[in-house]
């Protein structure tokens, strides 16, 4: 009985499929599956090969764009300082990480705008107009970005990586490769961010110490000082227009 039931279901399915094909014959033949082919073909035009390699390089750059944004722009200093500021105030997760990252991102666009405009006018637009080649466009695009990083990099950090890379007594900036400049720029930005973070901590630390001393003198040792000092720190930050002061100082530090 079980086998006969299976045969009945199979015959019913075949009958339904045949009926559908008879009723909608055009639709059945119209459905097609696309075919995707990936392979290598011979060509006598070197320009096609160069174009394919350029497209591959552009896709590679797009895939590592977040790393480029973090390592070669002002984003690192901004986000580290904002993290220190939130910890100094003691507001835990306020503002949220998404707000701080968004603020740091748009400030990065604002700070790096002159650099990107110069790269666009001297490298990208001439390349799109077929006035220069891809290699020359890449070299021109690096120059304003390298100049920006050199301005923010300390000589001691640059000398450290030049010694590790075997570059002794570099004559000029052109003799220092970008692979040496980027890590030197990164540790310089981190040091600057930690220095500014320490300065931001001082006024809020003083408020915490004063509140803790007052509570101890009053015998309220079981009351957390952070619970009492937090409103005063927020009041101080609002009265001095803290966001205007901090953001304005950060932006000016890059110019």
Protein backbone atom coordinates (compact mmCIF):
# COMPACT_ATOMS: atom_id res chain seq x y z
CA UNK A 1 0.00 0.00 0.00
CA UNK A 2 2.84 2.36 0.84
CA UNK A 3 4.49 1.72 -2.56
CA UNK A 4 1.21 2.25 -4.36
CA UNK A 5 0.79 5.57 -2.54
CA UNK A 6 4.20 6.76 -3.76
CA UNK A 7 3.36 5.72 -7.34
CA UNK A 8 0.10 7.66 -7.12
CA UNK A 9 1.90 10.83 -5.96
CA UNK A 10 4.46 10.45 -8.79
CA UNK A 11 1.77 10.00 -11.46
CA UNK A 12 -0.15 13.00 -10.10
CA UNK A 13 3.00 15.17 -10.23
CA UNK A 14 3.78 14.14 -13.82
CA UNK A 15 0.22 14.81 -14.88
CA UNK A 16 0.30 18.29 -13.30
CA UNK A 17 3.64 19.11 -14.98
CA UNK A 18 2.31 17.97 -18.37
CA UNK A 19 -0.83 20.05 -17.95
CA UNK A 20 1.18 23.17 -17.09
CA UNK A 21 3.45 22.71 -20.11
CA UNK A 22 0.40 22.31 -22.35
CA UNK A 23 -1.36 25.38 -21.00
CA UNK A 24 1.69 27.73 -20.94
CA UNK A 25 4.03 26.44 -23.62
CA UNK A 26 5.48 29.89 -24.37
CA UNK A 27 6.33 30.55 -20.74
CA UNK A 28 8.03 27.20 -20.34
CA UNK A 29 10.35 27.92 -23.29
CA UNK A 30 10.96 31.56 -22.27
CA UNK A 31 12.64 30.71 -18.96
CA UNK A 32 16.44 30.59 -19.32
CA UNK A 33 19.37 30.35 -16.94
CA UNK A 34 22.23 32.82 -17.49
CA UNK A 35 25.68 31.43 -18.10
CA UNK A 36 28.72 33.06 -16.42
CA UNK A 37 32.15 32.33 -17.83
CA UNK A 38 35.44 33.34 -16.18
CA UNK A 39 38.63 32.67 -18.07
CA UNK A 40 41.70 33.98 -19.88
CA UNK A 41 41.66 34.93 -23.54
CA UNK A 42 44.50 35.81 -25.86
CA UNK A 43 44.71 39.38 -27.11
CA UNK A 44 47.12 41.33 -29.26
CA UNK A 45 46.22 44.69 -27.69
CA UNK A 46 48.36 45.45 -24.60
CA UNK A 47 45.95 48.22 -23.68
CA UNK A 48 43.23 45.71 -22.81
CA UNK A 49 45.59 43.93 -20.42
CA UNK A 50 46.62 47.21 -18.81
CA UNK A 51 42.98 48.23 -18.38
CA UNK A 52 42.12 44.92 -16.73
CA UNK A 53 45.04 45.28 -14.32
CA UNK A 54 43.99 48.84 -13.49
CA UNK A 55 40.45 47.68 -12.72
CA UNK A 56 41.86 44.95 -10.48
CA UNK A 57 44.04 47.49 -8.67
CA UNK A 58 41.10 49.86 -8.17
CA UNK A 59 38.97 47.04 -6.72
CA UNK A 60 41.83 46.16 -4.37
CA UNK A 61 42.09 49.78 -3.19
CA UNK A 62 38.33 49.90 -2.58
CA UNK A 63 38.52 46.72 -0.49
CA UNK A 64 41.21 48.22 1.77
CA UNK A 65 39.65 51.69 1.82
CA UNK A 66 38.62 51.43 5.53
CA UNK A 67 42.24 50.69 6.47
CA UNK A 68 43.46 53.61 4.37
CA UNK A 69 40.91 55.86 6.07
CA UNK A 70 42.13 54.76 9.50
CA UNK A 71 45.88 54.82 8.87
CA UNK A 72 46.49 57.74 6.52
CA UNK A 73 44.02 60.43 7.63
CA UNK A 74 43.09 62.37 10.76
CA UNK A 75 40.53 59.76 11.84
CA UNK A 76 42.85 58.01 14.32
CA UNK A 77 43.59 61.08 16.41
CA UNK A 78 39.96 62.17 16.47
CA UNK A 79 38.39 58.88 17.53
CA UNK A 80 41.01 58.22 20.24
CA UNK A 81 40.52 61.68 21.75
CA UNK A 82 36.74 61.32 21.69
CA UNK A 83 37.12 58.01 23.53
CA UNK A 84 39.28 59.65 26.19
CA UNK A 85 36.80 62.51 26.54
CA UNK A 86 33.89 60.17 27.16
CA UNK A 87 35.83 58.22 29.78
CA UNK A 88 36.98 61.43 31.49
CA UNK A 89 33.42 62.69 31.81
CA UNK A 90 32.30 59.27 33.03
CA UNK A 91 29.13 58.98 30.95
CA UNK A 92 29.86 55.33 30.08
CA UNK A 93 28.16 54.81 26.66
CA UNK A 94 26.96 58.37 26.08
CA UNK A 95 27.46 59.54 23.39
CA UNK A 96 27.18 56.10 21.73
CA UNK A 97 30.00 54.68 19.65
CA UNK A 98 28.04 55.27 16.45
CA UNK A 99 27.76 59.00 17.22
CA UNK A 100 31.47 59.38 18.00
CA UNK A 101 32.52 57.42 14.91
CA UNK A 102 30.17 59.44 12.71
CA UNK A 103 31.45 62.73 14.14
CA UNK A 104 35.07 61.64 13.67
CA UNK A 105 34.31 60.50 10.13
CA UNK A 106 32.74 63.77 9.00
CA UNK A 107 35.47 65.80 10.71
CA UNK A 108 37.97 63.67 8.78
CA UNK A 109 36.21 64.58 5.53
CA UNK A 110 36.38 68.25 6.52
CA UNK A 111 40.07 68.15 7.49
CA UNK A 112 41.19 66.07 4.52
CA UNK A 113 39.12 68.03 1.97
CA UNK A 114 42.04 70.23 0.73
CA UNK A 115 44.21 67.13 0.31
CA UNK A 116 41.56 65.24 -1.66
CA UNK A 117 40.73 68.28 -3.80
CA UNK A 118 44.38 68.64 -4.77
CA UNK A 119 44.63 64.93 -5.58
CA UNK A 120 41.44 65.17 -7.65
CA UNK A 121 42.57 68.21 -9.67
CA UNK A 122 46.14 67.04 -10.28
CA UNK A 123 45.70 63.27 -10.63
CA UNK A 124 42.15 61.93 -10.97
CA UNK A 125 40.71 64.44 -13.44
CA UNK A 126 43.74 64.39 -15.80
CA UNK A 127 43.63 60.59 -15.74
CA UNK A 128 39.90 60.50 -16.52
CA UNK A 129 40.51 62.94 -19.38
CA UNK A 130 43.24 60.60 -20.67
CA UNK A 131 45.90 63.27 -20.28
CA UNK A 132 48.19 61.13 -18.10
CA UNK A 133 48.73 57.43 -17.52
CA UNK A 134 47.64 55.38 -14.53
CA UNK A 135 51.10 55.20 -12.93
CA UNK A 136 51.62 58.94 -13.17
CA UNK A 137 48.14 59.55 -11.74
CA UNK A 138 48.93 57.28 -8.80
CA UNK A 139 52.20 59.15 -8.15
CA UNK A 140 50.46 62.51 -8.30
CA UNK A 141 47.67 61.38 -5.97
CA UNK A 142 50.20 60.27 -3.35
CA UNK A 143 52.01 63.59 -3.13
CA UNK A 144 49.39 65.69 -1.24
CA UNK A 145 48.61 62.77 1.08
CA UNK A 146 52.30 62.19 1.81
CA UNK A 147 52.78 65.92 2.43
CA UNK A 148 49.94 65.86 4.95
CA UNK A 149 51.40 62.87 6.79
CA UNK A 150 54.90 64.37 6.83
CA UNK A 151 53.54 67.52 8.51
CA UNK A 152 51.97 65.46 11.31
CA UNK A 153 54.81 62.96 11.81
CA UNK A 154 57.52 63.49 14.41
CA UNK A 155 61.13 63.24 13.32
CA UNK A 156 61.91 60.69 16.05
CA UNK A 157 59.16 58.34 14.87
CA UNK A 158 60.21 58.75 11.25
CA UNK A 159 63.85 58.09 12.14
CA UNK A 160 62.84 54.93 14.03
CA UNK A 161 61.22 53.30 11.00
CA UNK A 162 63.89 54.59 8.62
CA UNK A 163 66.52 52.82 10.73
CA UNK A 164 64.49 49.61 10.83
CA UNK A 165 63.99 49.79 7.05
CA UNK A 166 67.72 50.32 6.47
CA UNK A 167 67.36 53.88 5.19
CA UNK A 168 70.28 55.88 6.56
CA UNK A 169 70.46 59.66 6.26
CA UNK A 170 67.55 60.20 3.85
CA UNK A 171 68.25 63.23 1.69
CA UNK A 172 64.66 64.34 1.24
CA UNK A 173 61.08 63.19 1.66
CA UNK A 174 61.09 61.47 -1.74
CA UNK A 175 63.73 59.03 -0.49
CA UNK A 176 61.32 57.77 2.23
CA UNK A 177 58.78 55.29 0.93
CA UNK A 178 55.11 55.37 1.85
CA UNK A 179 55.43 51.99 3.58
CA UNK A 180 57.88 53.61 6.02
CA UNK A 181 55.89 56.82 6.38
CA UNK A 182 52.52 55.25 7.27
CA UNK A 183 53.55 53.43 10.52
CA UNK A 184 55.58 56.46 11.62
CA UNK A 185 52.54 58.65 11.05
CA UNK A 186 50.34 56.23 12.99
CA UNK A 187 52.44 56.18 16.17
CA UNK A 188 52.83 59.96 15.97
CA UNK A 189 49.06 60.34 15.84
CA UNK A 190 48.61 57.97 18.77
CA UNK A 191 51.14 59.89 20.88
CA UNK A 192 49.45 63.20 20.06
CA UNK A 193 46.04 61.74 20.90
CA UNK A 194 47.27 60.44 24.26
CA UNK A 195 48.80 63.81 25.11
CA UNK A 196 45.55 65.65 24.35
CA UNK A 197 43.58 62.97 26.22
CA UNK A 198 45.73 63.54 29.31
CA UNK A 199 45.03 67.28 29.17
CA UNK A 200 41.30 66.61 28.85
CA UNK A 201 41.37 64.36 31.91
CA UNK A 202 42.80 67.02 34.27
CA UNK A 203 39.72 69.24 34.94
CA UNK A 204 37.39 66.25 35.34
CA UNK A 205 39.91 64.51 37.61
CA UNK A 206 40.03 67.59 39.83
CA UNK A 207 36.25 67.53 40.17
CA UNK A 208 36.34 63.82 41.12
CA UNK A 209 39.01 64.48 43.78
CA UNK A 210 37.11 67.44 45.27
CA UNK A 211 33.84 65.50 45.45
CA UNK A 212 35.57 62.44 46.93
CA UNK A 213 37.25 64.60 49.60
CA UNK A 214 33.96 66.28 50.53
CA UNK A 215 32.12 62.96 50.81
CA UNK A 216 34.94 61.51 52.93
CA UNK A 217 34.90 64.50 55.26
CA UNK A 218 31.14 64.14 55.65
CA UNK A 219 31.47 60.45 56.47
CA UNK A 220 29.60 59.31 53.36
CA UNK A 221 32.11 56.62 52.45
CA UNK A 222 29.45 54.25 51.07
CA UNK A 223 28.22 56.78 48.51
CA UNK A 224 30.08 56.43 45.14
CA UNK A 225 31.83 59.74 44.32
CA UNK A 226 31.18 59.28 40.59
CA UNK A 227 27.45 59.45 41.28
CA UNK A 228 27.81 62.96 42.73
CA UNK A 229 30.60 64.27 40.48
CA UNK A 230 28.96 63.30 37.18
CA UNK A 231 26.35 66.12 37.20
CA UNK A 232 29.07 68.68 38.05
CA UNK A 233 31.30 67.43 35.22
CA UNK A 234 28.44 67.63 32.78
CA UNK A 235 27.62 71.13 34.02
CA UNK A 236 31.25 72.22 33.57
CA UNK A 237 31.40 70.75 30.07
CA UNK A 238 28.19 72.49 29.04
CA UNK A 239 29.13 75.88 30.58
CA UNK A 240 32.46 76.05 28.72
CA UNK A 241 30.79 74.84 25.47
CA UNK A 242 32.96 71.75 25.52
CA UNK A 243 32.15 70.28 22.11
CA UNK A 244 32.86 73.58 20.37
CA UNK A 245 36.12 73.97 22.26
CA UNK A 246 37.33 70.39 21.78
CA UNK A 247 36.35 70.01 18.12
CA UNK A 248 37.67 73.46 17.22
CA UNK A 249 41.03 72.74 18.87
CA UNK A 250 41.30 69.35 17.18
CA UNK A 251 40.62 70.74 13.71
CA UNK A 252 43.08 73.59 14.21
CA UNK A 253 45.78 71.12 15.33
CA UNK A 254 45.98 69.76 11.75
CA UNK A 255 46.56 73.15 10.10
